[in-house]
Amino acid sequence: MVKHVILWKLKEELAGAEKETVKAGIKSGLEGLKGQIPGLLDIKVNTNPLTSSNCDVMLDSAFVDEASLKGYAVHPAHVEVANTKVRPFTASRTCMDYEVSEEQA
């Protein structure tokens, strides 16, 4: 299994209700991909960081294997969400992909 974790910082000009609307759109858009993309096992978006955090949104997803993750990256449904709900509103992105051994699962 491969885990795909992303942390985003939203653009500084987003605040209040607009920021919450953007976060909700990212969450619903990405979580809505479950069941649409081959090899995507699980996808969760957290939009409620503690004040000690230095990011606004976290994606935590799991794939069957690295090939499935690569397929997700170019899948039209994912590209649509990324281009309309994520990229226009994010200032920075940090990503970590890693394999989970059977002992860790």
Protein backbone atom coordinates (compact mmCIF):
# COMPACT_ATOMS: atom_id res chain seq x y z
CA MET A 1 0.00 0.00 0.00
CA VAL A 2 1.15 3.55 -0.74
CA LYS A 3 0.19 6.60 1.33
CA HIS A 4 -0.09 10.04 -0.26
CA VAL A 5 -0.16 12.93 2.23
CA ILE A 6 -0.36 16.60 1.27
CA LEU A 7 -0.34 19.73 3.41
CA TRP A 8 -1.57 22.99 1.90
CA LYS A 9 -1.35 26.57 3.07
CA LEU A 10 -4.15 28.66 1.61
CA LYS A 11 -3.54 32.07 0.05
CA GLU A 12 -3.22 34.87 2.61
CA GLU A 13 -6.04 36.91 1.07
CA LEU A 14 -8.56 34.22 2.02
CA ALA A 15 -10.19 34.85 5.39
CA GLY A 16 -13.35 34.24 7.37
CA ALA A 17 -16.32 32.75 5.57
CA GLU A 18 -14.53 32.72 2.20
CA LYS A 19 -11.68 30.64 3.66
CA GLU A 20 -14.13 28.19 5.21
CA THR A 21 -16.00 27.89 1.89
CA VAL A 22 -12.74 27.13 0.06
CA LYS A 23 -11.76 24.52 2.66
CA ALA A 24 -15.18 22.87 2.38
CA GLY A 25 -14.87 22.80 -1.42
CA ILE A 26 -11.46 21.15 -1.24
CA LYS A 27 -12.77 18.56 1.23
CA SER A 28 -15.92 17.69 -0.72
CA GLY A 29 -14.11 17.69 -4.05
CA LEU A 30 -11.27 15.40 -3.02
CA GLU A 31 -13.31 13.08 -0.80
CA GLY A 32 -15.83 12.82 -3.65
CA LEU A 33 -13.18 11.02 -5.70
CA LYS A 34 -13.54 7.88 -3.59
CA GLY A 35 -14.90 5.09 -5.77
CA GLN A 36 -14.09 6.93 -9.00
CA ILE A 37 -10.37 6.23 -9.36
CA PRO A 38 -8.89 2.74 -9.76
CA GLY A 39 -6.57 1.79 -6.92
CA LEU A 40 -7.69 4.59 -4.57
CA LEU A 41 -8.38 2.81 -1.28
CA ASP A 42 -9.16 5.74 1.01
CA ILE A 43 -9.14 9.52 0.92
CA LYS A 44 -9.72 11.95 3.79
CA VAL A 45 -9.30 15.69 4.04
CA ASN A 46 -8.84 17.48 7.36
CA THR A 47 -9.74 21.17 7.37
CA ASN A 48 -9.70 21.85 11.12
CA PRO A 49 -6.08 22.25 12.23
CA LEU A 50 -5.18 23.27 15.74
CA THR A 51 -3.86 26.80 16.17
CA SER A 52 -0.35 25.35 16.60
CA SER A 53 -0.42 24.22 12.94
CA ASN A 54 1.23 26.06 10.07
CA CYS A 55 -0.99 24.66 7.31
CA ASP A 56 -4.71 24.89 6.58
CA VAL A 57 -5.68 21.64 4.86
CA MET A 58 -4.36 18.06 4.94
CA LEU A 59 -5.04 15.28 2.45
CA ASP A 60 -4.45 11.73 3.71
CA SER A 61 -4.98 9.09 1.04
CA ALA A 62 -4.07 5.47 0.40
CA PHE A 63 -3.51 3.60 -2.84
CA VAL A 64 -3.01 -0.04 -3.78
CA ASP A 65 0.46 0.70 -5.15
CA GLU A 66 2.65 3.39 -6.69
CA ALA A 67 1.17 2.78 -10.15
CA SER A 68 -2.31 3.57 -8.74
CA LEU A 69 -0.98 6.83 -7.26
CA LYS A 70 0.48 7.78 -10.65
CA GLY A 71 -2.86 7.02 -12.29
CA TYR A 72 -4.66 9.20 -9.75
CA ALA A 73 -2.38 12.14 -10.53
CA VAL A 74 -3.54 12.23 -14.17
CA HIS A 75 -7.09 10.92 -13.78
CA PRO A 76 -9.54 13.46 -15.29
CA ALA A 77 -11.74 13.56 -12.16
CA HIS A 78 -8.74 14.34 -9.95
CA VAL A 79 -7.34 16.90 -12.40
CA GLU A 80 -10.72 18.67 -12.46
CA VAL A 81 -10.86 18.94 -8.66
CA ALA A 82 -7.22 20.03 -8.44
CA ASN A 83 -7.63 22.70 -11.10
CA THR A 84 -10.92 24.13 -9.82
CA LYS A 85 -11.02 23.60 -6.05
CA VAL A 86 -7.38 23.33 -4.90
CA ARG A 87 -4.71 25.05 -7.01
CA PRO A 88 -6.46 28.43 -7.42
CA PHE A 89 -6.63 28.86 -3.63
CA THR A 90 -3.36 27.41 -2.32
CA ALA A 91 -0.13 29.29 -1.70
CA SER A 92 2.06 26.28 -0.87
CA ARG A 93 1.99 22.50 -1.07
CA THR A 94 4.07 19.91 0.75
CA CYS A 95 3.76 16.26 -0.22
CA MET A 96 5.01 12.96 1.14
CA ASP A 97 4.40 9.63 -0.57
CA TYR A 98 5.56 6.44 1.12
CA GLU A 99 5.08 2.70 1.10
CA VAL A 100 3.40 1.07 4.05
CA SER A 101 4.72 -2.37 4.89
CA GLU A 102 2.35 -5.14 5.94
CA GLU A 103 3.60 -4.73 9.52
CA GLN A 104 2.61 -1.04 9.51
CA ALA A 105 -0.83 -1.58 7.98
